[in-house]
Every structure is written in structure tokens, then in C-alpha cells.
N, C-alpha and C. Protein backbone atom coordinates (compact mmCIF):
# COMPACT_ATOMS: atom_id res chain seq x y z
N MET A 1 0.87 -1.11 -0.11
CA MET A 1 0.04 0.36 -0.03
C MET A 1 0.84 1.26 0.42
N LYS A 2 1.01 2.02 -0.96
CA LYS A 2 1.55 3.20 -1.17
C LYS A 2 0.88 4.76 -0.30
N THR A 3 1.50 5.19 0.21
CA THR A 3 1.00 6.31 1.35
C THR A 3 1.09 7.87 0.40
N PRO A 4 -0.03 8.23 0.56
CA PRO A 4 0.24 9.38 -0.41
C PRO A 4 1.04 10.62 -0.07
N SER A 5 1.52 11.29 -0.93
CA SER A 5 2.64 12.21 -1.34
C SER A 5 2.18 13.40 -0.17
N PRO A 6 2.77 13.96 0.22
CA PRO A 6 2.56 15.36 0.81
C PRO A 6 2.28 16.40 -0.13
N PRO A 7 1.26 17.70 -0.18
CA PRO A 7 1.04 18.40 -1.04
C PRO A 7 1.99 19.05 -1.10
N SER A 8 2.33 19.86 -2.02
CA SER A 8 3.23 20.77 -2.24
C SER A 8 3.45 21.78 -2.12
N PRO A 9 4.58 22.71 -1.72
CA PRO A 9 4.70 23.63 -1.09
C PRO A 9 3.63 24.90 -1.78
N LEU A 10 3.63 24.86 -2.92
CA LEU A 10 3.12 25.74 -3.64
C LEU A 10 1.27 25.68 -3.55
N SER A 11 1.03 24.57 -3.45
CA SER A 11 -0.53 24.54 -3.08
C SER A 11 -1.16 24.81 -1.91
N VAL A 12 -0.07 24.35 -1.27
CA VAL A 12 -0.47 24.76 0.23
C VAL A 12 -0.18 26.36 0.58
N LEU A 13 0.67 27.25 -0.38
CA LEU A 13 0.29 28.49 -0.02
C LEU A 13 -0.60 29.20 -0.94
N PHE A 14 -1.18 28.57 -1.70
CA PHE A 14 -1.88 29.00 -2.42
C PHE A 14 -3.66 28.72 -1.82
N THR A 15 -3.49 27.82 -1.57
CA THR A 15 -4.54 27.30 -0.80
C THR A 15 -5.17 28.30 0.75
N THR A 16 -3.89 28.44 1.00
CA THR A 16 -3.87 29.54 2.54
C THR A 16 -4.45 30.95 1.79
N LEU A 17 -3.52 31.15 1.06
CA LEU A 17 -3.86 32.80 0.38
C LEU A 17 -5.57 33.14 -0.33
N LEU A 18 -5.95 31.49 -0.61
CA LEU A 18 -7.31 31.92 -1.36
C LEU A 18 -8.27 31.75 0.45
N PHE A 19 -7.55 31.52 1.62
CA PHE A 19 -8.92 31.81 2.37
C PHE A 19 -8.73 32.93 3.29
N ILE A 20 -7.50 33.40 3.12
CA ILE A 20 -6.85 34.74 3.95
C ILE A 20 -7.15 35.78 2.76
N LEU A 21 -7.19 36.13 1.87
CA LEU A 21 -6.99 37.30 1.48
C LEU A 21 -8.15 37.81 1.18
N PRO A 22 -9.64 37.18 0.76
CA PRO A 22 -10.86 37.30 1.53
C PRO A 22 -10.77 37.97 2.42
N ALA A 23 -10.88 37.69 3.42
CA ALA A 23 -10.62 37.99 4.76
C ALA A 23 -9.95 39.40 4.85
N LEU A 24 -9.07 39.36 4.61
CA LEU A 24 -8.28 40.99 4.69
C LEU A 24 -9.04 41.97 3.96
N ALA A 25 -8.95 41.36 2.87
CA ALA A 25 -9.83 42.09 2.28
C ALA A 25 -11.05 42.80 2.23
N GLN A 26 -11.85 41.98 3.16
CA GLN A 26 -13.26 42.50 3.78
C GLN A 26 -12.72 43.01 5.33
N PHE A 27 -12.02 43.29 6.07
CA PHE A 27 -11.64 43.89 7.28
C PHE A 27 -11.15 45.37 6.55
N GLN A 28 -10.40 45.39 5.57
CA GLN A 28 -9.52 46.76 5.47
C GLN A 28 -11.05 47.71 4.93
N PHE A 29 -12.07 46.67 3.91
CA PHE A 29 -12.87 47.74 3.37
C PHE A 29 -13.72 48.22 4.84
N PHE A 30 -14.17 47.24 5.85
CA PHE A 30 -14.79 47.84 6.92
C PHE A 30 -13.89 48.81 7.32
N ASP A 31 -12.38 48.66 7.99
CA ASP A 31 -11.53 49.97 8.45
C ASP A 31 -11.66 51.11 7.43
N GLN A 32 -11.99 51.20 6.29
CA GLN A 32 -11.93 52.21 5.57
C GLN A 32 -13.05 52.99 5.75
N MET A 33 -14.32 52.57 6.09
CA MET A 33 -15.84 52.57 6.11
C MET A 33 -15.99 53.38 7.42
N PHE A 34 -15.31 52.54 8.86
CA PHE A 34 -15.41 52.84 9.73
C PHE A 34 -14.27 54.19 10.02
N ASN A 35 -13.39 54.59 9.69
CA ASN A 35 -12.72 55.77 9.66
C ASN A 35 -13.12 56.96 9.08
N GLN A 36 -13.48 56.66 7.37
CA GLN A 36 -14.33 58.20 7.34
C GLN A 36 -15.68 58.31 7.68
N GLN A 37 -16.48 57.49 8.42
CA GLN A 37 -17.52 57.85 9.13
C GLN A 37 -16.87 58.70 10.48
N GLN A 38 -15.98 58.67 11.39
CA GLN A 38 -15.26 58.83 12.34
C GLN A 38 -14.85 60.84 11.89
N GLN A 39 -14.30 60.38 10.80
CA GLN A 39 -13.39 62.01 10.54
C GLN A 39 -14.20 62.72 10.02
N GLN A 40 -15.60 62.45 9.35
CA GLN A 40 -16.97 63.31 8.93
C GLN A 40 -17.93 63.52 10.20
N GLN A 41 -17.24 63.28 11.31
CA GLN A 41 -17.94 63.49 12.30
C GLN A 41 -17.92 65.03 13.44
N GLN A 42 -17.92 65.51 13.39
CA GLN A 42 -18.01 67.35 13.72
C GLN A 42 -18.20 67.12 15.24
N PRO A 43 -17.53 67.87 16.11
CA PRO A 43 -18.55 67.86 17.80
C PRO A 43 -19.38 68.52 17.26
N GLN A 44 -20.05 68.65 18.35
CA GLN A 44 -21.09 69.57 18.82
C GLN A 44 -20.85 70.01 20.30
N ASN A 45 -20.96 71.70 19.45
CA ASN A 45 -21.17 72.16 21.38
C ASN A 45 -21.57 73.02 21.49
N ALA A 46 -22.54 72.93 21.16
CA ALA A 46 -24.34 73.39 21.93
C ALA A 46 -24.16 72.39 23.00
N GLY A 47 -24.80 73.50 24.07
CA GLY A 47 -25.35 72.33 25.56
C GLY A 47 -26.72 71.62 25.30
N SER A 48 -26.87 71.05 26.13
CA SER A 48 -28.21 70.70 26.52
C SER A 48 -28.91 71.87 26.80
N ASP A 49 -30.16 72.34 26.16
CA ASP A 49 -31.33 72.74 26.49
C ASP A 49 -32.81 72.32 26.67
N SER A 50 -33.33 71.73 28.02
CA SER A 50 -34.24 71.04 28.49
C SER A 50 -35.46 72.20 28.43
N ALA A 51 -35.27 73.29 28.51
CA ALA A 51 -36.37 73.73 27.98
C ALA A 51 -36.73 73.62 26.69
N TRP A 52 -35.77 73.61 25.64
CA TRP A 52 -36.60 73.01 24.18
C TRP A 52 -37.00 72.30 24.16
N TYR A 53 -36.47 70.84 24.89
CA TYR A 53 -37.40 69.83 24.95
C TYR A 53 -38.30 69.04 25.45
N ARG A 54 -38.92 70.32 26.36
CA ARG A 54 -40.04 70.48 27.31
C ARG A 54 -41.35 71.07 26.25
N GLN A 55 -40.66 72.21 25.59
CA GLN A 55 -41.54 72.96 24.55
C GLN A 55 -42.27 71.86 23.62
N GLN A 56 -40.88 71.26 22.65
CA GLN A 56 -41.68 70.33 21.68
C GLN A 56 -42.19 69.35 22.27
N TYR A 57 -42.29 68.61 23.72
CA TYR A 57 -43.08 67.68 24.33
C TYR A 57 -44.20 68.04 24.72
N ASP A 58 -44.68 69.21 25.07
CA ASP A 58 -45.42 69.82 25.36
C ASP A 58 -46.79 70.14 23.54
N ALA A 59 -45.48 70.46 23.06
CA ALA A 59 -46.60 70.94 21.60
C ALA A 59 -47.27 69.58 20.75
N VAL A 60 -46.40 68.33 21.27
CA VAL A 60 -47.06 67.58 20.82
C VAL A 60 -47.92 66.45 21.81
N GLY A 61 -47.60 66.51 22.85
CA GLY A 61 -48.69 65.95 23.42
C GLY A 61 -49.72 67.26 24.00
């Protein structure tokens, strides 16, 4: 009975890249998406005005 030969290093490399590259591309996409969202966000300097909220609540109800 003949023992199977081990896979060639090249096929192991291609198989590994086949699984790793899509995951890396996906994480890079999410990283760009979230970083872009953070850069577009501007700080809010206005304080909370409870009178405005009360006025809105009373107008609705």
C-alpha cells in the first residue's frame, strides 16, 4: 500500500492565500468605512437645553 505524498508547498501557499485574502479585503473595507465615518463627524458644542425639549414635548402631547 502506497502512502499519499504530501502536498506541494506551492499548493499549500495558494490554498492558504485563497482563505486569507478575502478576509483581509473585508476587514480593510470595514476599516476604511468606519474611519471615514469618524472623520466626517463634527463636534457638537451646543449644550443641552431642557426648556427646548420640554417645549417640543408639550407641543406634541
